[in-house]
């Protein structure tokens, strides 16, 4: 795909990208797709998928207590537990505000480890990484932000989410459906969003503006970006996903570069399918 060449003009030392169609085939790739990059918060969709596997295996229930008083696994996945961003303290009643929380995902990791009697990193490996052949992906630290992976591996994950084999498709549909609709909150890097829609571990684009995806991205687009200059989006209307990893921290350069890149990718996909 010619649109992927745009990453070569970004002000970053290294960038790699891939586009994966809904049938799992690779539409195109660019850059060192086997190079390992810190994912930052793009770790969260991987962690969320492992939590959902634990749910389907019967190790946990989505509505069982987890985190602060009154909070559940579902609240933690949807950033509505009330936990602060990076502190294990409650700052709101569960279900009342969208408070983006790394601490919430750390609580989730501990909860799964206790329920399964193995570390969360090991559960993630057994439940998601190993079955998908994601051999270059590791988690050494927080389930919120300490994953390391490659474009090649995340392309495998993007194929899985679009055509699930590890989960029932109905569970994935639930993950990309808004939990607690109408809640406002701050989207890191992009300010207050009304509403700030989120599913189970995946951010949902809806009609947010400004946003890190493109102006032509469908409202159903879901995914995540990371402060290490990384993102993964899946657009069900376009029938494709895009993975992009860089080694420059998120900042004004990304705010300027990512949306036109996504729009170019989507335009090329439309042109090639017409």
C-alpha atoms as a PDB file:
ATOM      1  CA  UNK A   1       0.000   0.000   0.000  1.00  0.00           C
ATOM      2  CA  UNK A   2       1.441   3.327  -1.097  1.00  0.00           C
ATOM      3  CA  UNK A   3      -0.217   5.201   1.770  1.00  0.00           C
ATOM      4  CA  UNK A   4       2.015   3.379   4.258  1.00  0.00           C
ATOM      5  CA  UNK A   5       5.031   5.168   2.795  1.00  0.00           C
ATOM      6  CA  UNK A   6       3.884   8.277   4.688  1.00  0.00           C
ATOM      7  CA  UNK A   7       5.542   6.927   7.841  1.00  0.00           C
ATOM      8  CA  UNK A   8       8.920   7.460   6.189  1.00  0.00           C
ATOM      9  CA  UNK A   9       8.378  11.219   6.396  1.00  0.00           C
ATOM     10  CA  UNK A  10       7.427  11.246  10.058  1.00  0.00           C
ATOM     11  CA  UNK A  11       9.870  12.968  12.478  1.00  0.00           C
ATOM     12  CA  UNK A  12      10.736   9.711  14.214  1.00  0.00           C
ATOM     13  CA  UNK A  13      13.911   7.591  14.261  1.00  0.00           C
ATOM     14  CA  UNK A  14      12.047   4.389  13.338  1.00  0.00           C
ATOM     15  CA  UNK A  15       8.505   3.509  12.338  1.00  0.00           C
ATOM     16  CA  UNK A  16       6.786   0.380  11.093  1.00  0.00           C
ATOM     17  CA  UNK A  17       3.190  -0.211  10.036  1.00  0.00           C
ATOM     18  CA  UNK A  18       0.846  -2.822   8.615  1.00  0.00           C
ATOM     19  CA  UNK A  19      -2.758  -2.991   7.431  1.00  0.00           C
ATOM     20  CA  UNK A  20      -4.710  -6.199   7.996  1.00  0.00           C
ATOM     21  CA  UNK A  21      -7.965  -6.966   6.205  1.00  0.00           C
ATOM     22  CA  UNK A  22     -10.964  -8.435   7.993  1.00  0.00           C
ATOM     23  CA  UNK A  23     -10.203 -11.862   6.493  1.00  0.00           C
ATOM     24  CA  UNK A  24      -6.771 -11.798   8.159  1.00  0.00           C
ATOM     25  CA  UNK A  25      -4.796 -11.156   4.983  1.00  0.00           C
ATOM     26  CA  UNK A  26      -2.089  -8.513   4.954  1.00  0.00           C
ATOM     27  CA  UNK A  27      -3.013  -5.548   2.754  1.00  0.00           C
ATOM     28  CA  UNK A  28       0.466  -4.042   3.100  1.00  0.00           C
ATOM     29  CA  UNK A  29       3.330  -3.277   5.451  1.00  0.00           C
ATOM     30  CA  UNK A  30       6.231  -0.833   5.736  1.00  0.00           C
ATOM     31  CA  UNK A  31       9.330  -0.496   7.851  1.00  0.00           C
ATOM     32  CA  UNK A  32      11.021  -2.996  10.180  1.00  0.00           C
ATOM     33  CA  UNK A  33       7.933  -5.047  11.062  1.00  0.00           C
ATOM     34  CA  UNK A  34       9.949  -7.550  13.105  1.00  0.00           C
ATOM     35  CA  UNK A  35      11.552  -4.885  15.333  1.00  0.00           C
ATOM     36  CA  UNK A  36      10.347  -4.853  18.939  1.00  0.00           C
ATOM     37  CA  UNK A  37       8.916  -1.581  20.240  1.00  0.00           C
ATOM     38  CA  UNK A  38       7.562  -0.616  23.678  1.00  0.00           C
ATOM     39  CA  UNK A  39       3.776  -0.517  23.321  1.00  0.00           C
ATOM     40  CA  UNK A  40       2.852   1.735  26.253  1.00  0.00           C
ATOM     41  CA  UNK A  41      -0.964   1.689  26.450  1.00  0.00           C
ATOM     42  CA  UNK A  42      -1.383  -0.450  23.341  1.00  0.00           C
ATOM     43  CA  UNK A  43      -0.653  -3.125  25.957  1.00  0.00           C
ATOM     44  CA  UNK A  44      -4.219  -2.658  27.244  1.00  0.00           C
ATOM     45  CA  UNK A  45      -6.071  -4.321  24.335  1.00  0.00           C
ATOM     46  CA  UNK A  46      -3.822  -7.374  24.693  1.00  0.00           C
ATOM     47  CA  UNK A  47      -4.414  -7.472  28.441  1.00  0.00           C
ATOM     48  CA  UNK A  48      -8.148  -7.009  27.907  1.00  0.00           C
ATOM     49  CA  UNK A  49      -8.268  -9.920  25.502  1.00  0.00           C
ATOM     50  CA  UNK A  50      -6.649 -12.134  28.132  1.00  0.00           C
ATOM     51  CA  UNK A  51      -9.232 -10.976  30.694  1.00  0.00           C
ATOM     52  CA  UNK A  52     -12.012 -11.903  28.255  1.00  0.00           C
ATOM     53  CA  UNK A  53     -10.466 -15.342  27.730  1.00  0.00           C
ATOM     54  CA  UNK A  54     -10.481 -15.774  31.519  1.00  0.00           C
ATOM     55  CA  UNK A  55     -14.161 -14.800  31.489  1.00  0.00           C
ATOM     56  CA  UNK A  56     -15.011 -17.325  28.781  1.00  0.00           C
ATOM     57  CA  UNK A  57     -13.028 -20.026  30.588  1.00  0.00           C
ATOM     58  CA  UNK A  58     -15.101 -19.401  33.698  1.00  0.00           C
ATOM     59  CA  UNK A  59     -12.229 -18.181  35.851  1.00  0.00           C
ATOM     60  CA  UNK A  60     -13.984 -14.846  36.416  1.00  0.00           C
ATOM     61  CA  UNK A  61     -17.273 -13.072  35.711  1.00  0.00           C
ATOM     62  CA  UNK A  62     -17.427  -9.615  34.178  1.00  0.00           C
ATOM     63  CA  UNK A  63     -19.770  -8.387  36.892  1.00  0.00           C
ATOM     64  CA  UNK A  64     -17.969  -9.840  39.899  1.00  0.00           C
ATOM     65  CA  UNK A  65     -16.427  -7.416  42.412  1.00  0.00           C
ATOM     66  CA  UNK A  66     -12.934  -6.161  41.555  1.00  0.00           C
ATOM     67  CA  UNK A  67     -11.188  -2.956  42.554  1.00  0.00           C
ATOM     68  CA  UNK A  68     -12.765  -0.290  44.755  1.00  0.00           C
ATOM     69  CA  UNK A  69     -16.005  -0.832  46.672  1.00  0.00           C
ATOM     70  CA  UNK A  70     -18.861  -1.273  44.193  1.00  0.00           C
ATOM     71  CA  UNK A  71     -16.550  -1.791  41.212  1.00  0.00           C
ATOM     72  CA  UNK A  72     -16.470  -4.872  38.952  1.00  0.00           C
ATOM     73  CA  UNK A  73     -14.222  -6.376  36.288  1.00  0.00           C
ATOM     74  CA  UNK A  74     -16.427  -4.645  33.706  1.00  0.00           C
ATOM     75  CA  UNK A  75     -15.891  -1.264  35.395  1.00  0.00           C
ATOM     76  CA  UNK A  76     -12.123  -1.771  35.376  1.00  0.00           C
ATOM     77  CA  UNK A  77     -12.042  -2.720  31.680  1.00  0.00           C
ATOM     78  CA  UNK A  78     -14.171   0.313  30.767  1.00  0.00           C
ATOM     79  CA  UNK A  79     -12.288   2.858  32.920  1.00  0.00           C
ATOM     80  CA  UNK A  80     -15.355   3.482  35.087  1.00  0.00           C
ATOM     81  CA  UNK A  81     -14.132   1.976  38.373  1.00  0.00           C
ATOM     82  CA  UNK A  82     -13.406   5.400  39.828  1.00  0.00           C
ATOM     83  CA  UNK A  83      -9.703   4.644  40.305  1.00  0.00           C
ATOM     84  CA  UNK A  84      -7.267   7.489  39.645  1.00  0.00           C
ATOM     85  CA  UNK A  85      -4.940   7.517  36.627  1.00  0.00           C
ATOM     86  CA  UNK A  86      -1.798   6.118  38.227  1.00  0.00           C
ATOM     87  CA  UNK A  87      -2.799   5.741  41.871  1.00  0.00           C
ATOM     88  CA  UNK A  88      -4.641   2.948  43.608  1.00  0.00           C
ATOM     89  CA  UNK A  89      -7.182   5.277  45.184  1.00  0.00           C
ATOM     90  CA  UNK A  90     -10.812   5.868  44.257  1.00  0.00           C
ATOM     91  CA  UNK A  91     -11.754   9.394  43.167  1.00  0.00           C
ATOM     92  CA  UNK A  92     -15.325   8.731  41.977  1.00  0.00           C
ATOM     93  CA  UNK A  93     -18.163   6.267  42.468  1.00  0.00           C
ATOM     94  CA  UNK A  94     -18.027   3.314  40.037  1.00  0.00           C
ATOM     95  CA  UNK A  95     -20.003   3.875  36.844  1.00  0.00           C
ATOM     96  CA  UNK A  96     -20.296   7.658  37.227  1.00  0.00           C
ATOM     97  CA  UNK A  97     -17.252   8.993  35.355  1.00  0.00           C
ATOM     98  CA  UNK A  98     -14.835   7.831  32.653  1.00  0.00           C
ATOM     99  CA  UNK A  99     -11.522   8.081  34.493  1.00  0.00           C
ATOM    100  CA  UNK A 100      -8.756   6.621  32.352  1.00  0.00           C
ATOM    101  CA  UNK A 101      -6.777   4.471  34.762  1.00  0.00           C
ATOM    102  CA  UNK A 102      -3.525   2.548  34.501  1.00  0.00           C
ATOM    103  CA  UNK A 103      -4.095   1.561  38.112  1.00  0.00           C
ATOM    104  CA  UNK A 104      -7.342  -0.096  37.074  1.00  0.00           C
ATOM    105  CA  UNK A 105      -5.529  -2.415  34.688  1.00  0.00           C
ATOM    106  CA  UNK A 106      -2.976  -3.252  37.358  1.00  0.00           C
ATOM    107  CA  UNK A 107      -5.838  -4.227  39.657  1.00  0.00           C
ATOM    108  CA  UNK A 108      -7.245  -6.334  36.816  1.00  0.00           C
ATOM    109  CA  UNK A 109      -3.926  -8.104  36.390  1.00  0.00           C
ATOM    110  CA  UNK A 110      -3.795  -8.926  40.102  1.00  0.00           C
ATOM    111  CA  UNK A 111      -7.412 -10.091  40.004  1.00  0.00           C
ATOM    112  CA  UNK A 112      -6.781 -12.513  37.120  1.00  0.00           C
ATOM    113  CA  UNK A 113      -3.585 -13.788  38.746  1.00  0.00           C
ATOM    114  CA  UNK A 114      -5.471 -14.558  41.946  1.00  0.00           C
ATOM    115  CA  UNK A 115      -8.342 -16.243  40.069  1.00  0.00           C
ATOM    116  CA  UNK A 116      -6.076 -18.417  37.901  1.00  0.00           C
ATOM    117  CA  UNK A 117      -3.188 -18.939  40.340  1.00  0.00           C
ATOM    118  CA  UNK A 118      -0.594 -17.868  37.750  1.00  0.00           C
ATOM    119  CA  UNK A 119       0.976 -14.479  37.059  1.00  0.00           C
ATOM    120  CA  UNK A 120      -0.921 -12.229  34.674  1.00  0.00           C
ATOM    121  CA  UNK A 121       2.035 -12.092  32.269  1.00  0.00           C
ATOM    122  CA  UNK A 122       2.052 -15.885  32.102  1.00  0.00           C
ATOM    123  CA  UNK A 123      -1.722 -16.019  31.672  1.00  0.00           C
ATOM    124  CA  UNK A 124      -1.485 -13.520  28.819  1.00  0.00           C
ATOM    125  CA  UNK A 125       1.187 -15.650  27.191  1.00  0.00           C
ATOM    126  CA  UNK A 126      -0.786 -18.873  27.489  1.00  0.00           C
ATOM    127  CA  UNK A 127      -4.208 -17.421  26.667  1.00  0.00           C
ATOM    128  CA  UNK A 128      -3.385 -15.010  23.835  1.00  0.00           C
ATOM    129  CA  UNK A 129       0.234 -14.706  22.731  1.00  0.00           C
ATOM    130  CA  UNK A 130       1.139 -18.372  22.300  1.00  0.00           C
ATOM    131  CA  UNK A 131      -2.063 -19.432  20.482  1.00  0.00           C
ATOM    132  CA  UNK A 132      -1.691 -16.537  18.025  1.00  0.00           C
ATOM    133  CA  UNK A 133       2.007 -17.159  17.399  1.00  0.00           C
ATOM    134  CA  UNK A 134       2.981 -13.807  18.917  1.00  0.00           C
ATOM    135  CA  UNK A 135       6.421 -15.075  19.911  1.00  0.00           C
ATOM    136  CA  UNK A 136       8.091 -11.638  19.931  1.00  0.00           C
ATOM    137  CA  UNK A 137       5.601 -10.134  22.400  1.00  0.00           C
ATOM    138  CA  UNK A 138       6.307  -9.943  26.136  1.00  0.00           C
ATOM    139  CA  UNK A 139       4.852  -8.327  29.229  1.00  0.00           C
ATOM    140  CA  UNK A 140       7.381  -7.514  31.919  1.00  0.00           C
ATOM    141  CA  UNK A 141       5.597  -5.244  34.330  1.00  0.00           C
ATOM    142  CA  UNK A 142       2.275  -3.429  34.318  1.00  0.00           C
ATOM    143  CA  UNK A 143      -0.637  -4.855  32.268  1.00  0.00           C
ATOM    144  CA  UNK A 144      -1.507  -1.222  31.563  1.00  0.00           C
ATOM    145  CA  UNK A 145       1.647  -0.179  29.746  1.00  0.00           C
ATOM    146  CA  UNK A 146       4.665  -2.492  29.827  1.00  0.00           C
ATOM    147  CA  UNK A 147       4.121  -4.687  26.780  1.00  0.00           C
ATOM    148  CA  UNK A 148       6.761  -4.955  24.031  1.00  0.00           C
ATOM    149  CA  UNK A 149       5.857  -6.239  20.578  1.00  0.00           C
ATOM    150  CA  UNK A 150       6.338  -6.040  16.822  1.00  0.00           C
ATOM    151  CA  UNK A 151       4.114  -4.982  13.959  1.00  0.00           C
ATOM    152  CA  UNK A 152       4.161  -8.582  12.746  1.00  0.00           C
ATOM    153  CA  UNK A 153       2.804  -9.847  16.061  1.00  0.00           C
ATOM    154  CA  UNK A 154       0.190  -7.113  16.413  1.00  0.00           C
ATOM    155  CA  UNK A 155      -0.965  -7.832  12.873  1.00  0.00           C
ATOM    156  CA  UNK A 156      -1.749 -11.361  14.097  1.00  0.00           C
ATOM    157  CA  UNK A 157      -3.705  -9.872  16.987  1.00  0.00           C
ATOM    158  CA  UNK A 158      -5.569  -7.511  14.638  1.00  0.00           C
ATOM    159  CA  UNK A 159      -6.537 -10.499  12.487  1.00  0.00           C
ATOM    160  CA  UNK A 160      -7.800 -12.336  15.581  1.00  0.00           C
ATOM    161  CA  UNK A 161      -9.970  -9.467  16.779  1.00  0.00           C
ATOM    162  CA  UNK A 162     -11.573  -9.117  13.334  1.00  0.00           C
ATOM    163  CA  UNK A 163     -12.229 -12.875  12.985  1.00  0.00           C
ATOM    164  CA  UNK A 164     -12.038 -14.317  16.512  1.00  0.00           C
ATOM    165  CA  UNK A 165     -10.800 -17.835  17.162  1.00  0.00           C
ATOM    166  CA  UNK A 166      -9.833 -17.466  20.827  1.00  0.00           C
ATOM    167  CA  UNK A 167     -13.099 -15.815  21.848  1.00  0.00           C
ATOM    168  CA  UNK A 168     -16.741 -16.123  20.907  1.00  0.00           C
ATOM    169  CA  UNK A 169     -17.477 -13.368  18.341  1.00  0.00           C
ATOM    170  CA  UNK A 170     -20.288 -12.187  20.624  1.00  0.00           C
ATOM    171  CA  UNK A 171     -17.747 -11.459  23.355  1.00  0.00           C
ATOM    172  CA  UNK A 172     -15.646  -9.396  20.951  1.00  0.00           C
ATOM    173  CA  UNK A 173     -18.787  -7.551  19.848  1.00  0.00           C
ATOM    174  CA  UNK A 174     -19.436  -6.718  23.495  1.00  0.00           C
ATOM    175  CA  UNK A 175     -15.836  -5.487  23.858  1.00  0.00           C
ATOM    176  CA  UNK A 176     -16.375  -2.985  21.021  1.00  0.00           C
ATOM    177  CA  UNK A 177     -19.748  -1.799  22.383  1.00  0.00           C
ATOM    178  CA  UNK A 178     -19.938   1.245  24.664  1.00  0.00           C
ATOM    179  CA  UNK A 179     -20.036   0.457  28.379  1.00  0.00           C
ATOM    180  CA  UNK A 180     -21.926   3.064  30.436  1.00  0.00           C
ATOM    181  CA  UNK A 181     -22.929   5.277  27.453  1.00  0.00           C
ATOM    182  CA  UNK A 182     -22.877   9.037  27.835  1.00  0.00           C
ATOM    183  CA  UNK A 183     -20.037   9.342  30.353  1.00  0.00           C
ATOM    184  CA  UNK A 184     -17.638  12.218  29.763  1.00  0.00           C
ATOM    185  CA  UNK A 185     -13.940  12.113  30.511  1.00  0.00           C
ATOM    186  CA  UNK A 186     -10.462  13.078  29.433  1.00  0.00           C
ATOM    187  CA  UNK A 187      -8.875  11.203  26.544  1.00  0.00           C
ATOM    188  CA  UNK A 188      -5.134  11.489  27.290  1.00  0.00           C
ATOM    189  CA  UNK A 189      -3.497  13.867  24.837  1.00  0.00           C
ATOM    190  CA  UNK A 190      -6.817  15.040  23.401  1.00  0.00           C
ATOM    191  CA  UNK A 191      -8.629  16.659  26.307  1.00  0.00           C
ATOM    192  CA  UNK A 192     -12.177  16.318  27.580  1.00  0.00           C
ATOM    193  CA  UNK A 193     -14.538  14.318  25.379  1.00  0.00           C
ATOM    194  CA  UNK A 194     -18.331  14.404  25.708  1.00  0.00           C
ATOM    195  CA  UNK A 195     -18.978  11.530  25.638  1.00  0.00           C
ATOM    196  CA  UNK A 196     -15.733   9.627  26.101  1.00  0.00           C
ATOM    197  CA  UNK A 197     -16.917   6.253  24.843  1.00  0.00           C
ATOM    198  CA  UNK A 198     -15.125   3.051  25.795  1.00  0.00           C
ATOM    199  CA  UNK A 199     -15.824  -0.647  25.457  1.00  0.00           C
ATOM    200  CA  UNK A 200     -14.169  -3.511  27.321  1.00  0.00           C
ATOM    201  CA  UNK A 201     -10.534  -2.452  27.106  1.00  0.00           C
ATOM    202  CA  UNK A 202     -10.894  -0.797  23.698  1.00  0.00           C
ATOM    203  CA  UNK A 203     -11.484   2.888  23.105  1.00  0.00           C
ATOM    204  CA  UNK A 204     -14.397   3.547  20.747  1.00  0.00           C
ATOM    205  CA  UNK A 205     -14.076   6.437  18.357  1.00  0.00           C
ATOM    206  CA  UNK A 206     -17.760   7.380  18.016  1.00  0.00           C
ATOM    207  CA  UNK A 207     -17.827  11.117  17.174  1.00  0.00           C
ATOM    208  CA  UNK A 208     -14.881  12.280  19.283  1.00  0.00           C
ATOM    209  CA  UNK A 209     -13.044  15.362  18.108  1.00  0.00           C
ATOM    210  CA  UNK A 210     -10.132  15.873  18.173  1.00  0.00           C
ATOM    211  CA  UNK A 211      -9.064  12.250  17.845  1.00  0.00           C
ATOM    212  CA  UNK A 212      -6.017  10.189  16.921  1.00  0.00           C
ATOM    213  CA  UNK A 213      -7.807   8.290  14.122  1.00  0.00           C
ATOM    214  CA  UNK A 214      -8.850   9.891  10.829  1.00  0.00           C
ATOM    215  CA  UNK A 215     -11.686  12.211   9.914  1.00  0.00           C
ATOM    216  CA  UNK A 216     -12.973   9.448   7.632  1.00  0.00           C
ATOM    217  CA  UNK A 217     -12.737   6.737  10.304  1.00  0.00           C
ATOM    218  CA  UNK A 218     -16.166   5.272  11.026  1.00  0.00           C
ATOM    219  CA  UNK A 219     -17.741   5.944  14.441  1.00  0.00           C
ATOM    220  CA  UNK A 220     -17.496   2.170  15.051  1.00  0.00           C
ATOM    221  CA  UNK A 221     -13.690   2.300  14.903  1.00  0.00           C
ATOM    222  CA  UNK A 222     -12.115   0.971  18.075  1.00  0.00           C
ATOM    223  CA  UNK A 223      -8.579   0.441  19.331  1.00  0.00           C
ATOM    224  CA  UNK A 224      -5.926   2.173  21.405  1.00  0.00           C
ATOM    225  CA  UNK A 225      -2.901   4.435  21.160  1.00  0.00           C
ATOM    226  CA  UNK A 226       0.151   4.542  23.371  1.00  0.00           C
ATOM    227  CA  UNK A 227       2.353   7.287  24.759  1.00  0.00           C
ATOM    228  CA  UNK A 228       5.364   5.551  23.191  1.00  0.00           C
ATOM    229  CA  UNK A 229       4.106   6.663  19.753  1.00  0.00           C
ATOM    230  CA  UNK A 230       2.088   3.558  18.928  1.00  0.00           C
ATOM    231  CA  UNK A 231      -1.444   2.762  17.839  1.00  0.00           C
ATOM    232  CA  UNK A 232      -3.814   0.024  16.734  1.00  0.00           C
ATOM    233  CA  UNK A 233      -7.207   0.759  15.214  1.00  0.00           C
ATOM    234  CA  UNK A 234      -9.823  -1.564  13.800  1.00  0.00           C
ATOM    235  CA  UNK A 235     -12.527  -0.102  11.556  1.00  0.00           C
ATOM    236  CA  UNK A 236     -15.338  -2.636  11.027  1.00  0.00           C
ATOM    237  CA  UNK A 237     -16.915  -0.492   8.309  1.00  0.00           C
ATOM    238  CA  UNK A 238     -13.647  -0.386   6.338  1.00  0.00           C
ATOM    239  CA  UNK A 239     -13.095  -4.077   7.042  1.00  0.00           C
ATOM    240  CA  UNK A 240      -9.495  -3.492   8.075  1.00  0.00           C
ATOM    241  CA  UNK A 241      -7.127  -2.759  10.927  1.00  0.00           C
ATOM    242  CA  UNK A 242      -3.925  -0.732  11.098  1.00  0.00           C
ATOM    243  CA  UNK A 243      -0.961  -1.230  13.420  1.00  0.00           C
ATOM    244  CA  UNK A 244       1.729   1.453  13.671  1.00  0.00           C
ATOM    245  CA  UNK A 245       4.710   1.406  16.035  1.00  0.00           C
ATOM    246  CA  UNK A 246       7.397   4.072  16.451  1.00  0.00           C
ATOM    247  CA  UNK A 247      10.242   4.850  18.827  1.00  0.00           C
ATOM    248  CA  UNK A 248       9.321   8.476  19.503  1.00  0.00           C
ATOM    249  CA  UNK A 249       7.023   9.419  22.365  1.00  0.00           C
ATOM    250  CA  UNK A 250       3.537  10.651  21.520  1.00  0.00           C
ATOM    251  CA  UNK A 251       3.304  14.415  21.154  1.00  0.00           C
ATOM    252  CA  UNK A 252       2.338  17.210  18.749  1.00  0.00           C
ATOM    253  CA  UNK A 253       4.057  15.359  15.891  1.00  0.00           C
ATOM    254  CA  UNK A 254       1.663  12.410  16.318  1.00  0.00           C
ATOM    255  CA  UNK A 255      -1.410  14.619  16.677  1.00  0.00           C
ATOM    256  CA  UNK A 256      -0.476  16.166  13.323  1.00  0.00           C
ATOM    257  CA  UNK A 257       0.693  13.013  11.502  1.00  0.00           C
ATOM    258  CA  UNK A 258      -1.655  10.212  12.510  1.00  0.00           C
ATOM    259  CA  UNK A 259      -5.092  11.411  11.263  1.00  0.00           C
ATOM    260  CA  UNK A 260      -4.007  12.197   7.668  1.00  0.00           C
ATOM    261  CA  UNK A 261      -2.125   8.901   7.600  1.00  0.00           C
ATOM    262  CA  UNK A 262      -5.258   7.002   8.639  1.00  0.00           C
ATOM    263  CA  UNK A 263      -7.353   8.915   6.099  1.00  0.00           C
ATOM    264  CA  UNK A 264      -4.871   7.992   3.351  1.00  0.00           C
ATOM    265  CA  UNK A 265      -4.951   4.320   4.375  1.00  0.00           C
ATOM    266  CA  UNK A 266      -8.747   4.276   4.378  1.00  0.00           C
ATOM    267  CA  UNK A 267      -8.918   6.059   1.002  1.00  0.00           C
ATOM    268  CA  UNK A 268      -6.569   3.499  -0.524  1.00  0.00           C
ATOM    269  CA  UNK A 269      -8.592   0.635   0.930  1.00  0.00           C
ATOM    270  CA  UNK A 270     -11.764   2.071  -0.561  1.00  0.00           C
ATOM    271  CA  UNK A 271     -10.114   2.571  -3.933  1.00  0.00           C
ATOM    272  CA  UNK A 272      -8.748  -0.965  -4.091  1.00  0.00           C
ATOM    273  CA  UNK A 273     -12.082  -2.541  -3.109  1.00  0.00           C
ATOM    274  CA  UNK A 274     -14.165  -0.502  -5.552  1.00  0.00           C
END
